[in-house]
């Protein structure tokens, strides 16, 4: 059984389109073997959850329906004067996105930076 944490800290709709499709492909390929998956957004990657791109937003909804969780960095939200309610979907939050990635890795989660 796989647990995967994915780092998103870059910006751009082409990048967002690519990574959202990669996340969907990952879940489709691993199916029930992927028991836990989190997408951690911080820095410029927060733009993924603020995107106005319709295709990106459709894929975000598909990802959520696949039981994949988005985690937003509270430090980034604070720096940008935003709250989780400002984002395009319901998300969890972590005090520090980077620290969350490190903790997941120490718990044995596979780490992907797309």
Protein backbone atom coordinates (compact mmCIF):
# COMPACT_ATOMS: atom_id res chain seq x y z
CA UNK A 1 0.00 0.00 0.00
CA UNK A 2 1.42 3.36 -1.04
CA UNK A 3 1.29 6.71 0.69
CA UNK A 4 2.45 9.60 -1.47
CA UNK A 5 3.02 13.27 -0.69
CA UNK A 6 3.42 15.61 -3.66
CA UNK A 7 5.17 18.98 -3.56
CA UNK A 8 3.82 21.87 -5.63
CA UNK A 9 5.78 25.10 -5.35
CA UNK A 10 5.93 26.47 -8.90
CA UNK A 11 3.41 28.50 -10.85
CA UNK A 12 1.81 28.72 -14.28
CA UNK A 13 -1.31 27.27 -15.84
CA UNK A 14 0.67 24.96 -18.18
CA UNK A 15 2.53 23.60 -15.16
CA UNK A 16 -0.74 23.25 -13.24
CA UNK A 17 -2.36 21.40 -16.16
CA UNK A 18 0.58 19.00 -16.35
CA UNK A 19 0.80 18.21 -12.66
CA UNK A 20 -2.95 17.80 -12.16
CA UNK A 21 -3.03 15.29 -15.03
CA UNK A 22 0.01 13.49 -13.53
CA UNK A 23 -1.77 13.22 -10.17
CA UNK A 24 -4.90 11.79 -11.83
CA UNK A 25 -2.74 9.33 -13.79
CA UNK A 26 -0.99 8.26 -10.58
CA UNK A 27 -4.27 7.45 -8.86
CA UNK A 28 -5.71 5.74 -11.95
CA UNK A 29 -2.62 3.53 -12.29
CA UNK A 30 -2.21 2.62 -8.61
CA UNK A 31 -5.93 2.47 -7.80
CA UNK A 32 -6.60 1.06 -4.35
CA UNK A 33 -2.86 0.55 -3.77
CA UNK A 34 -2.60 4.32 -3.30
CA UNK A 35 -4.15 4.49 0.16
CA UNK A 36 -3.15 8.05 1.00
CA UNK A 37 -2.11 10.95 -1.19
CA UNK A 38 -1.59 14.60 -0.30
CA UNK A 39 -0.73 17.51 -2.57
CA UNK A 40 1.16 20.12 -0.54
CA UNK A 41 1.10 23.60 -2.05
CA UNK A 42 3.35 26.41 -0.85
CA UNK A 43 5.13 29.46 -2.20
CA UNK A 44 4.24 30.07 -5.84
CA UNK A 45 2.49 26.68 -5.91
CA UNK A 46 -0.41 28.19 -3.97
CA UNK A 47 -1.49 29.61 -7.34
CA UNK A 48 -2.77 26.12 -8.19
CA UNK A 49 -5.59 26.63 -5.70
CA UNK A 50 -6.24 30.17 -6.95
CA UNK A 51 -6.21 29.36 -10.66
CA UNK A 52 -8.86 30.79 -12.97
CA UNK A 53 -8.08 28.13 -15.60
CA UNK A 54 -11.25 26.08 -16.10
CA UNK A 55 -9.40 22.87 -17.03
CA UNK A 56 -7.17 23.13 -13.95
CA UNK A 57 -10.21 23.65 -11.71
CA UNK A 58 -12.03 20.68 -13.28
CA UNK A 59 -9.00 18.51 -12.63
CA UNK A 60 -8.76 19.75 -9.04
CA UNK A 61 -12.35 18.61 -8.50
CA UNK A 62 -11.53 15.23 -10.11
CA UNK A 63 -8.53 14.88 -7.80
CA UNK A 64 -10.68 15.58 -4.74
CA UNK A 65 -13.20 12.98 -5.94
CA UNK A 66 -10.32 10.48 -6.06
CA UNK A 67 -9.86 11.05 -2.28
CA UNK A 68 -6.63 12.99 -2.70
CA UNK A 69 -6.16 15.81 -0.22
CA UNK A 70 -4.79 19.28 -0.84
CA UNK A 71 -2.74 20.84 1.96
CA UNK A 72 -1.98 24.58 1.85
CA UNK A 73 0.95 26.10 3.68
CA UNK A 74 -0.34 28.48 6.36
CA UNK A 75 2.87 30.51 6.15
CA UNK A 76 2.26 31.16 2.44
CA UNK A 77 -1.40 32.00 3.05
CA UNK A 78 -0.42 34.50 5.72
CA UNK A 79 2.30 36.05 3.53
CA UNK A 80 -0.25 36.54 0.74
CA UNK A 81 -2.97 37.76 3.16
CA UNK A 82 -5.25 34.86 2.22
CA UNK A 83 -7.22 32.21 4.06
CA UNK A 84 -8.24 28.70 3.03
CA UNK A 85 -11.69 30.10 2.22
CA UNK A 86 -10.13 32.13 -0.62
CA UNK A 87 -9.02 28.96 -2.44
CA UNK A 88 -10.93 27.18 -5.23
CA UNK A 89 -11.57 24.09 -3.13
CA UNK A 90 -11.71 22.91 0.44
CA UNK A 91 -8.22 22.14 1.73
CA UNK A 92 -6.36 21.23 4.85
CA UNK A 93 -3.55 23.39 6.08
CA UNK A 94 -0.13 22.93 7.61
CA UNK A 95 1.86 25.53 9.48
CA UNK A 96 4.76 24.99 7.11
CA UNK A 97 4.45 23.18 3.80
CA UNK A 98 8.10 22.19 3.82
CA UNK A 99 7.93 20.87 7.39
CA UNK A 100 4.82 18.86 6.45
CA UNK A 101 6.72 17.26 3.56
CA UNK A 102 9.60 16.35 5.86
CA UNK A 103 7.28 14.84 8.47
CA UNK A 104 5.49 12.73 5.86
CA UNK A 105 8.84 11.46 4.58
CA UNK A 106 9.90 10.47 8.11
CA UNK A 107 6.60 8.57 8.36
CA UNK A 108 7.55 6.57 5.27
CA UNK A 109 5.51 8.39 2.64
CA UNK A 110 6.90 8.46 -0.90
CA UNK A 111 7.82 12.01 -1.94
CA UNK A 112 7.24 13.49 -5.40
CA UNK A 113 8.20 16.91 -6.66
CA UNK A 114 6.43 17.36 -9.98
